PDB file of all heavy atoms in Angstrom:
ATOM      1  N   ARG A   1       0.234  -9.419  -0.104  1.00  0.00           N
ATOM      2  CA  ARG A   1      -0.217  -8.463   0.934  1.00  0.00           C
ATOM      3  C   ARG A   1      -0.372  -7.056   0.412  1.00  0.00           C
ATOM      4  O   ARG A   1      -1.174  -6.231   0.932  1.00  0.00           O
ATOM      5  CB  ARG A   1       0.796  -8.466   2.070  1.00  0.00           C
ATOM      6  CG  ARG A   1       0.814  -9.808   2.822  1.00  0.00           C
ATOM      7  CD  ARG A   1       1.959  -9.903   3.763  1.00  0.00           C
ATOM      8  NE  ARG A   1       1.919 -11.089   4.640  1.00  0.00           N
ATOM      9  CZ  ARG A   1       2.171 -12.330   4.199  1.00  0.00           C
ATOM     10  NH1 ARG A   1       2.640 -12.540   2.980  1.00  0.00           N
ATOM     11  NH2 ARG A   1       2.039 -13.405   5.019  1.00  0.00           N
ATOM     12  N   ILE A   2       0.431  -6.726  -0.648  1.00  0.00           N
ATOM     13  CA  ILE A   2       0.352  -5.382  -1.195  1.00  0.00           C
ATOM     14  C   ILE A   2       0.210  -5.466  -2.663  1.00  0.00           C
ATOM     15  O   ILE A   2       1.141  -5.422  -3.487  1.00  0.00           O
ATOM     16  CB  ILE A   2       1.698  -4.618  -0.894  1.00  0.00           C
ATOM     17  CG1 ILE A   2       2.028  -4.719   0.616  1.00  0.00           C
ATOM     18  CG2 ILE A   2       1.581  -3.138  -1.315  1.00  0.00           C
ATOM     19  CD1 ILE A   2       3.372  -4.235   1.034  1.00  0.00           C
ATOM     20  N   PRO A   3      -1.017  -5.724  -3.081  1.00  0.00           N
ATOM     21  CA  PRO A   3      -1.351  -6.024  -4.520  1.00  0.00           C
ATOM     22  C   PRO A   3      -1.248  -4.916  -5.441  1.00  0.00           C
ATOM     23  O   PRO A   3      -1.123  -5.109  -6.670  1.00  0.00           O
ATOM     24  CB  PRO A   3      -2.701  -6.638  -4.469  1.00  0.00           C
ATOM     25  CG  PRO A   3      -3.382  -5.937  -3.280  1.00  0.00           C
ATOM     26  CD  PRO A   3      -2.302  -5.735  -2.317  1.00  0.00           C
ATOM     27  N   LYS A   4      -1.320  -3.677  -4.967  1.00  0.00           N
ATOM     28  CA  LYS A   4      -1.413  -2.546  -5.848  1.00  0.00           C
ATOM     29  C   LYS A   4      -0.707  -1.303  -5.309  1.00  0.00           C
ATOM     30  O   LYS A   4      -0.850  -0.990  -4.219  1.00  0.00           O
ATOM     31  CB  LYS A   4      -2.864  -2.256  -6.201  1.00  0.00           C
ATOM     32  CG  LYS A   4      -3.087  -1.113  -7.209  1.00  0.00           C
ATOM     33  CD  LYS A   4      -4.539  -0.891  -7.451  1.00  0.00           C
ATOM     34  CE  LYS A   4      -4.834   0.268  -8.414  1.00  0.00           C
ATOM     35  NZ  LYS A   4      -6.243   0.497  -8.563  1.00  0.00           N
ATOM     36  N   ALA A   5       0.027  -0.684  -6.237  1.00  0.00           N
ATOM     37  CA  ALA A   5       0.577   0.695  -6.000  1.00  0.00           C
ATOM     38  C   ALA A   5       0.176   1.622  -7.122  1.00  0.00           C
ATOM     39  O   ALA A   5       0.264   1.124  -8.227  1.00  0.00           O
ATOM     40  CB  ALA A   5       2.088   0.629  -5.782  1.00  0.00           C
ATOM     41  N   GLU A   6      -0.217   2.768  -6.826  1.00  0.00           N
ATOM     42  CA  GLU A   6      -0.618   3.647  -7.942  1.00  0.00           C
ATOM     43  C   GLU A   6      -0.095   5.100  -7.690  1.00  0.00           C
ATOM     44  O   GLU A   6      -0.130   5.550  -6.541  1.00  0.00           O
ATOM     45  CB  GLU A   6      -2.092   3.618  -8.061  1.00  0.00           C
ATOM     46  CG  GLU A   6      -2.929   4.060  -6.932  1.00  0.00           C
ATOM     47  CD  GLU A   6      -4.415   4.059  -7.201  1.00  0.00           C
ATOM     48  OE1 GLU A   6      -4.825   4.364  -8.334  1.00  0.00           O
ATOM     49  OE2 GLU A   6      -5.217   3.791  -6.261  1.00  0.00           O
ATOM     50  N   ALA A   7       0.239   5.736  -8.717  1.00  0.00           N
ATOM     51  CA  ALA A   7       0.637   7.214  -8.674  1.00  0.00           C
ATOM     52  C   ALA A   7      -0.689   8.005  -8.771  1.00  0.00           C
ATOM     53  O   ALA A   7      -1.384   7.929  -9.765  1.00  0.00           O
ATOM     54  CB  ALA A   7       1.597   7.525  -9.757  1.00  0.00           C
ATOM     55  N   LEU A   8      -0.912   8.841  -7.763  1.00  0.00           N
ATOM     56  CA  LEU A   8      -2.114   9.685  -7.798  1.00  0.00           C
ATOM     57  C   LEU A   8      -1.793  11.084  -8.349  1.00  0.00           C
ATOM     58  O   LEU A   8      -2.683  11.867  -8.602  1.00  0.00           O
ATOM     59  CB  LEU A   8      -2.673   9.837  -6.327  1.00  0.00           C
ATOM     60  CG  LEU A   8      -3.045   8.581  -5.632  1.00  0.00           C
ATOM     61  CD1 LEU A   8      -3.570   8.875  -4.216  1.00  0.00           C
ATOM     62  CD2 LEU A   8      -4.043   7.689  -6.414  1.00  0.00           C
ATOM     63  N   GLY A   9      -0.518  11.294  -8.537  1.00  0.00           N
ATOM     64  CA  GLY A   9      -0.035  12.576  -9.036  1.00  0.00           C
ATOM     65  C   GLY A   9       1.494  12.504  -9.114  1.00  0.00           C
ATOM     66  O   GLY A   9       2.084  11.533  -8.750  1.00  0.00           O
ATOM     67  N   PRO A  10       2.176  13.553  -9.503  1.00  0.00           N
ATOM     68  CA  PRO A  10       3.589  13.525  -9.614  1.00  0.00           C
ATOM     69  C   PRO A  10       4.253  13.225  -8.313  1.00  0.00           C
ATOM     70  O   PRO A  10       5.380  12.610  -8.247  1.00  0.00           O
ATOM     71  CB  PRO A  10       3.980  14.903 -10.146  1.00  0.00           C
ATOM     72  CG  PRO A  10       2.719  15.420 -10.758  1.00  0.00           C
ATOM     73  CD  PRO A  10       1.576  14.829 -10.046  1.00  0.00           C
ATOM     74  N   HIS A  11       3.709  13.626  -7.127  1.00  0.00           N
ATOM     75  CA  HIS A  11       4.358  13.533  -5.868  1.00  0.00           C
ATOM     76  C   HIS A  11       3.435  12.809  -4.901  1.00  0.00           C
ATOM     77  O   HIS A  11       3.603  13.104  -3.620  1.00  0.00           O
ATOM     78  CB  HIS A  11       4.807  14.863  -5.341  1.00  0.00           C
ATOM     79  CG  HIS A  11       5.738  15.578  -6.329  1.00  0.00           C
ATOM     80  ND1 HIS A  11       5.374  16.653  -7.017  1.00  0.00           N
ATOM     81  CD2 HIS A  11       7.034  15.251  -6.649  1.00  0.00           C
ATOM     82  CE1 HIS A  11       6.408  17.081  -7.795  1.00  0.00           C
ATOM     83  NE2 HIS A  11       7.395  16.239  -7.586  1.00  0.00           N
ATOM     84  N   ARG A  12       2.523  12.065  -5.330  1.00  0.00           N
ATOM     85  CA  ARG A  12       1.533  11.414  -4.410  1.00  0.00           C
ATOM     86  C   ARG A  12       1.344   9.996  -4.920  1.00  0.00           C
ATOM     87  O   ARG A  12       0.910   9.696  -6.054  1.00  0.00           O
ATOM     88  CB  ARG A  12       0.231  12.198  -4.493  1.00  0.00           C
ATOM     89  CG  ARG A  12      -0.787  11.884  -3.396  1.00  0.00           C
ATOM     90  CD  ARG A  12      -1.839  12.963  -3.424  1.00  0.00           C
ATOM     91  NE  ARG A  12      -3.040  12.526  -2.771  1.00  0.00           N
ATOM     92  CZ  ARG A  12      -3.300  12.749  -1.428  1.00  0.00           C
ATOM     93  NH1 ARG A  12      -2.336  13.206  -0.673  1.00  0.00           N
ATOM     94  NH2 ARG A  12      -4.458  12.302  -0.903  1.00  0.00           N
ATOM     95  N   VAL A  13       1.618   8.990  -4.001  1.00  0.00           N
ATOM     96  CA  VAL A  13       1.557   7.603  -4.301  1.00  0.00           C
ATOM     97  C   VAL A  13       0.742   6.876  -3.294  1.00  0.00           C
ATOM     98  O   VAL A  13       0.900   7.125  -2.109  1.00  0.00           O
ATOM     99  CB  VAL A  13       2.943   7.030  -4.438  1.00  0.00           C
ATOM    100  CG1 VAL A  13       3.756   7.089  -3.193  1.00  0.00           C
ATOM    101  CG2 VAL A  13       2.937   5.566  -4.981  1.00  0.00           C
ATOM    102  N   LYS A  14      -0.015   5.879  -3.737  1.00  0.00           N
ATOM    103  CA  LYS A  14      -0.871   5.192  -2.881  1.00  0.00           C
ATOM    104  C   LYS A  14      -0.650   3.695  -2.975  1.00  0.00           C
ATOM    105  O   LYS A  14      -0.483   3.140  -4.081  1.00  0.00           O
ATOM    106  CB  LYS A  14      -2.431   5.433  -3.200  1.00  0.00           C
ATOM    107  CG  LYS A  14      -3.393   4.775  -2.249  1.00  0.00           C
ATOM    108  CD  LYS A  14      -4.828   5.161  -2.616  1.00  0.00           C
ATOM    109  CE  LYS A  14      -5.825   4.594  -1.618  1.00  0.00           C
ATOM    110  NZ  LYS A  14      -7.227   4.990  -1.956  1.00  0.00           N
ATOM    111  N   PHE A  15      -0.601   2.968  -1.800  1.00  0.00           N
ATOM    112  CA  PHE A  15      -0.404   1.557  -1.694  1.00  0.00           C
ATOM    113  C   PHE A  15      -1.682   0.985  -1.121  1.00  0.00           C
ATOM    114  O   PHE A  15      -2.161   1.450  -0.111  1.00  0.00           O
ATOM    115  CB  PHE A  15       0.778   1.143  -0.884  1.00  0.00           C
ATOM    116  CG  PHE A  15       2.142   1.487  -1.422  1.00  0.00           C
ATOM    117  CD1 PHE A  15       2.709   2.761  -1.193  1.00  0.00           C
ATOM    118  CD2 PHE A  15       2.753   0.572  -2.238  1.00  0.00           C
ATOM    119  CE1 PHE A  15       3.979   3.084  -1.772  1.00  0.00           C
ATOM    120  CE2 PHE A  15       4.000   0.920  -2.794  1.00  0.00           C
ATOM    121  CZ  PHE A  15       4.612   2.083  -2.496  1.00  0.00           C
ATOM    122  N   HIS A  16      -2.186  -0.086  -1.736  1.00  0.00           N
ATOM    123  CA  HIS A  16      -3.410  -0.735  -1.275  1.00  0.00           C
ATOM    124  C   HIS A  16      -2.978  -2.059  -0.594  1.00  0.00           C
ATOM    125  O   HIS A  16      -2.082  -2.817  -1.143  1.00  0.00           O
ATOM    126  CB  HIS A  16      -4.301  -1.073  -2.425  1.00  0.00           C
ATOM    127  CG  HIS A  16      -4.791   0.129  -3.180  1.00  0.00           C
ATOM    128  ND1 HIS A  16      -6.059   0.702  -2.901  1.00  0.00           N
ATOM    129  CD2 HIS A  16      -4.176   0.892  -4.116  1.00  0.00           C
ATOM    130  CE1 HIS A  16      -6.192   1.814  -3.697  1.00  0.00           C
ATOM    131  NE2 HIS A  16      -5.077   1.890  -4.480  1.00  0.00           N
ATOM    132  N   PHE A  17      -3.596  -2.401   0.524  1.00  0.00           N
ATOM    133  CA  PHE A  17      -3.255  -3.556   1.286  1.00  0.00           C
ATOM    134  C   PHE A  17      -4.416  -4.609   1.167  1.00  0.00           C
ATOM    135  O   PHE A  17      -5.591  -4.233   1.284  1.00  0.00           O
ATOM    136  CB  PHE A  17      -3.015  -3.255   2.686  1.00  0.00           C
ATOM    137  CG  PHE A  17      -1.924  -2.249   2.889  1.00  0.00           C
ATOM    138  CD1 PHE A  17      -2.048  -1.242   3.843  1.00  0.00           C
ATOM    139  CD2 PHE A  17      -0.746  -2.262   2.080  1.00  0.00           C
ATOM    140  CE1 PHE A  17      -1.026  -0.297   3.998  1.00  0.00           C
ATOM    141  CE2 PHE A  17       0.283  -1.290   2.237  1.00  0.00           C
ATOM    142  CZ  PHE A  17       0.107  -0.329   3.226  1.00  0.00           C
ATOM    143  N   ALA A  18      -4.030  -5.853   0.908  1.00  0.00           N
ATOM    144  CA  ALA A  18      -5.019  -6.857   0.595  1.00  0.00           C
ATOM    145  C   ALA A  18      -5.874  -7.180   1.827  1.00  0.00           C
ATOM    146  O   ALA A  18      -5.375  -7.169   2.989  1.00  0.00           O
ATOM    147  CB  ALA A  18      -4.356  -8.149   0.123  1.00  0.00           C
ATOM    148  N   ASP A  19      -7.106  -7.594   1.599  1.00  0.00           N
ATOM    149  CA  ASP A  19      -8.007  -8.028   2.679  1.00  0.00           C
ATOM    150  C   ASP A  19      -7.497  -9.354   3.250  1.00  0.00           C
ATOM    151  O   ASP A  19      -6.881 -10.172   2.549  1.00  0.00           O
ATOM    152  CB  ASP A  19      -9.439  -8.198   2.188  1.00  0.00           C
ATOM    153  CG  ASP A  19     -10.077  -6.896   1.795  1.00  0.00           C
ATOM    154  OD1 ASP A  19      -9.682  -5.882   2.315  1.00  0.00           O
ATOM    155  OD2 ASP A  19     -11.006  -6.927   0.942  1.00  0.00           O
ATOM    156  N   GLY A  20      -7.790  -9.587   4.517  1.00  0.00           N
ATOM    157  CA  GLY A  20      -7.427 -10.901   5.108  1.00  0.00           C
ATOM    158  C   GLY A  20      -6.032 -11.009   5.623  1.00  0.00           C
ATOM    159  O   GLY A  20      -5.621 -12.050   6.130  1.00  0.00           O
ATOM    160  N   TYR A  21      -5.255  -9.926   5.582  1.00  0.00           N
ATOM    161  CA  TYR A  21      -3.901  -9.915   6.137  1.00  0.00           C
ATOM    162  C   TYR A  21      -3.773  -8.850   7.271  1.00  0.00           C
ATOM    163  O   TYR A  21      -4.384  -7.772   7.090  1.00  0.00           O
ATOM    164  CB  TYR A  21      -2.897  -9.640   5.036  1.00  0.00           C
ATOM    165  CG  TYR A  21      -2.748 -10.744   4.039  1.00  0.00           C
ATOM    166  CD1 TYR A  21      -3.395 -10.744   2.808  1.00  0.00           C
ATOM    167  CD2 TYR A  21      -2.003 -11.851   4.306  1.00  0.00           C
ATOM    168  CE1 TYR A  21      -3.351 -11.734   1.966  1.00  0.00           C
ATOM    169  CE2 TYR A  21      -1.781 -12.916   3.435  1.00  0.00           C
ATOM    170  CZ  TYR A  21      -2.488 -12.831   2.207  1.00  0.00           C
ATOM    171  OH  TYR A  21      -2.368 -13.858   1.314  1.00  0.00           O
ATOM    172  N   PRO A  22      -2.988  -9.151   8.280  1.00  0.00           N
ATOM    173  CA  PRO A  22      -2.851  -8.179   9.315  1.00  0.00           C
ATOM    174  C   PRO A  22      -2.211  -6.896   8.792  1.00  0.00           C
ATOM    175  O   PRO A  22      -1.429  -6.927   7.838  1.00  0.00           O
ATOM    176  CB  PRO A  22      -1.847  -8.866  10.354  1.00  0.00           C
ATOM    177  CG  PRO A  22      -1.975 -10.301  10.036  1.00  0.00           C
ATOM    178  CD  PRO A  22      -2.302 -10.399   8.534  1.00  0.00           C
ATOM    179  N   ARG A  23      -2.613  -5.819   9.343  1.00  0.00           N
ATOM    180  CA  ARG A  23      -2.164  -4.479   8.830  1.00  0.00           C
ATOM    181  C   ARG A  23      -0.809  -4.060   9.422  1.00  0.00           C
ATOM    182  O   ARG A  23      -0.105  -3.186   8.874  1.00  0.00           O
ATOM    183  CB  ARG A  23      -3.186  -3.421   9.195  1.00  0.00           C
ATOM    184  CG  ARG A  23      -4.498  -3.618   8.407  1.00  0.00           C
ATOM    185  CD  ARG A  23      -4.231  -3.551   6.942  1.00  0.00           C
ATOM    186  NE  ARG A  23      -5.407  -3.659   6.098  1.00  0.00           N
ATOM    187  CZ  ARG A  23      -5.567  -4.678   5.251  1.00  0.00           C
ATOM    188  NH1 ARG A  23      -4.595  -5.560   5.074  1.00  0.00           N
ATOM    189  NH2 ARG A  23      -6.641  -4.752   4.521  1.00  0.00           N
ATOM    190  N   ARG A  24      -0.383  -4.711  10.534  1.00  0.00           N
ATOM    191  CA  ARG A  24       0.860  -4.254  11.171  1.00  0.00           C
ATOM    192  C   ARG A  24       2.051  -4.450  10.187  1.00  0.00           C
ATOM    193  O   ARG A  24       2.186  -5.511   9.536  1.00  0.00           O
ATOM    194  CB  ARG A  24       1.090  -5.026  12.471  1.00  0.00           C
ATOM    195  CG  ARG A  24       2.331  -4.607  13.173  1.00  0.00           C
ATOM    196  CD  ARG A  24       2.367  -5.031  14.578  1.00  0.00           C
ATOM    197  NE  ARG A  24       3.727  -4.811  15.079  1.00  0.00           N
ATOM    198  CZ  ARG A  24       4.640  -5.782  15.111  1.00  0.00           C
ATOM    199  NH1 ARG A  24       4.329  -6.963  14.828  1.00  0.00           N
ATOM    200  NH2 ARG A  24       5.864  -5.469  15.496  1.00  0.00           N
ATOM    201  N   ALA A  25       2.863  -3.497  10.128  1.00  0.00           N
ATOM    202  CA  ALA A  25       4.144  -3.480   9.322  1.00  0.00           C
ATOM    203  C   ALA A  25       3.906  -3.302   7.853  1.00  0.00           C
ATOM    204  O   ALA A  25       4.838  -3.278   7.067  1.00  0.00           O
ATOM    205  CB  ALA A  25       4.956  -4.719   9.570  1.00  0.00           C
ATOM    206  N   MET A  26       2.610  -3.176   7.371  1.00  0.00           N
ATOM    207  CA  MET A  26       2.369  -2.904   6.037  1.00  0.00           C
ATOM    208  C   MET A  26       2.909  -1.524   5.603  1.00  0.00           C
ATOM    209  O   MET A  26       3.564  -1.378   4.641  1.00  0.00           O
ATOM    210  CB  MET A  26       0.892  -2.967   5.720  1.00  0.00           C
ATOM    211  CG  MET A  26       0.247  -4.352   5.823  1.00  0.00           C
ATOM    212  SD  MET A  26       0.655  -5.420   4.467  1.00  0.00           S
ATOM    213  CE  MET A  26      -0.697  -6.618   4.517  1.00  0.00           C
ATOM    214  N   ILE A  27       2.610  -0.528   6.442  1.00  0.00           N
ATOM    215  CA  ILE A  27       3.033   0.845   6.132  1.00  0.00           C
ATOM    216  C   ILE A  27       4.562   0.967   6.160  1.00  0.00           C
ATOM    217  O   ILE A  27       5.170   1.515   5.300  1.00  0.00           O
ATOM    218  CB  ILE A  27       2.360   1.840   7.050  1.00  0.00           C
ATOM    219  CG1 ILE A  27       0.883   1.904   6.775  1.00  0.00           C
ATOM    220  CG2 ILE A  27       2.980   3.220   6.946  1.00  0.00           C
ATOM    221  CD1 ILE A  27       0.091   2.806   7.687  1.00  0.00           C
ATOM    222  N   THR A  28       5.166   0.334   7.185  1.00  0.00           N
ATOM    223  CA  THR A  28       6.621   0.367   7.246  1.00  0.00           C
ATOM    224  C   THR A  28       7.279  -0.412   6.176  1.00  0.00           C
ATOM    225  O   THR A  28       8.392  -0.105   5.760  1.00  0.00           O
ATOM    226  CB  THR A  28       7.148  -0.051   8.654  1.00  0.00           C
ATOM    227  OG1 THR A  28       6.598  -1.356   8.934  1.00  0.00           O
ATOM    228  CG2 THR A  28       6.676   0.895   9.661  1.00  0.00           C
ATOM    229  N   GLN A  29       6.594  -1.438   5.671  1.00  0.00           N
ATOM    230  CA  GLN A  29       7.131  -2.229   4.586  1.00  0.00           C
ATOM    231  C   GLN A  29       7.316  -1.424   3.320  1.00  0.00           C
ATOM    232  O   GLN A  29       8.346  -1.326   2.714  1.00  0.00           O
ATOM    233  CB  GLN A  29       6.188  -3.468   4.296  1.00  0.00           C
ATOM    234  CG  GLN A  29       6.580  -4.225   3.066  1.00  0.00           C
ATOM    235  CD  GLN A  29       7.743  -5.114   3.221  1.00  0.00           C
ATOM    236  OE1 GLN A  29       7.782  -5.941   4.048  1.00  0.00           O
ATOM    237  NE2 GLN A  29       8.820  -4.864   2.493  1.00  0.00           N
ATOM    238  N   VAL A  30       6.194  -0.740   2.952  1.00  0.00           N
ATOM    239  CA  VAL A  30       6.296   0.079   1.679  1.00  0.00           C
ATOM    240  C   VAL A  30       7.111   1.349   1.971  1.00  0.00           C
ATOM    241  O   VAL A  30       7.782   1.831   1.053  1.00  0.00           O
ATOM    242  CB  VAL A  30       4.897   0.430   1.185  1.00  0.00           C
ATOM    243  CG1 VAL A  30       4.192  -0.885   0.737  1.00  0.00           C
ATOM    244  CG2 VAL A  30       4.029   1.118   2.208  1.00  0.00           C
TER     245      VAL A  30
END
């Protein structure tokens, strides 16, 4: 469901959520 996490800077991080999965609780998961 969460195939990728990447640092965009020293204090900025991005999580990508996979297609085909519900979005609910993805943000609270990470």
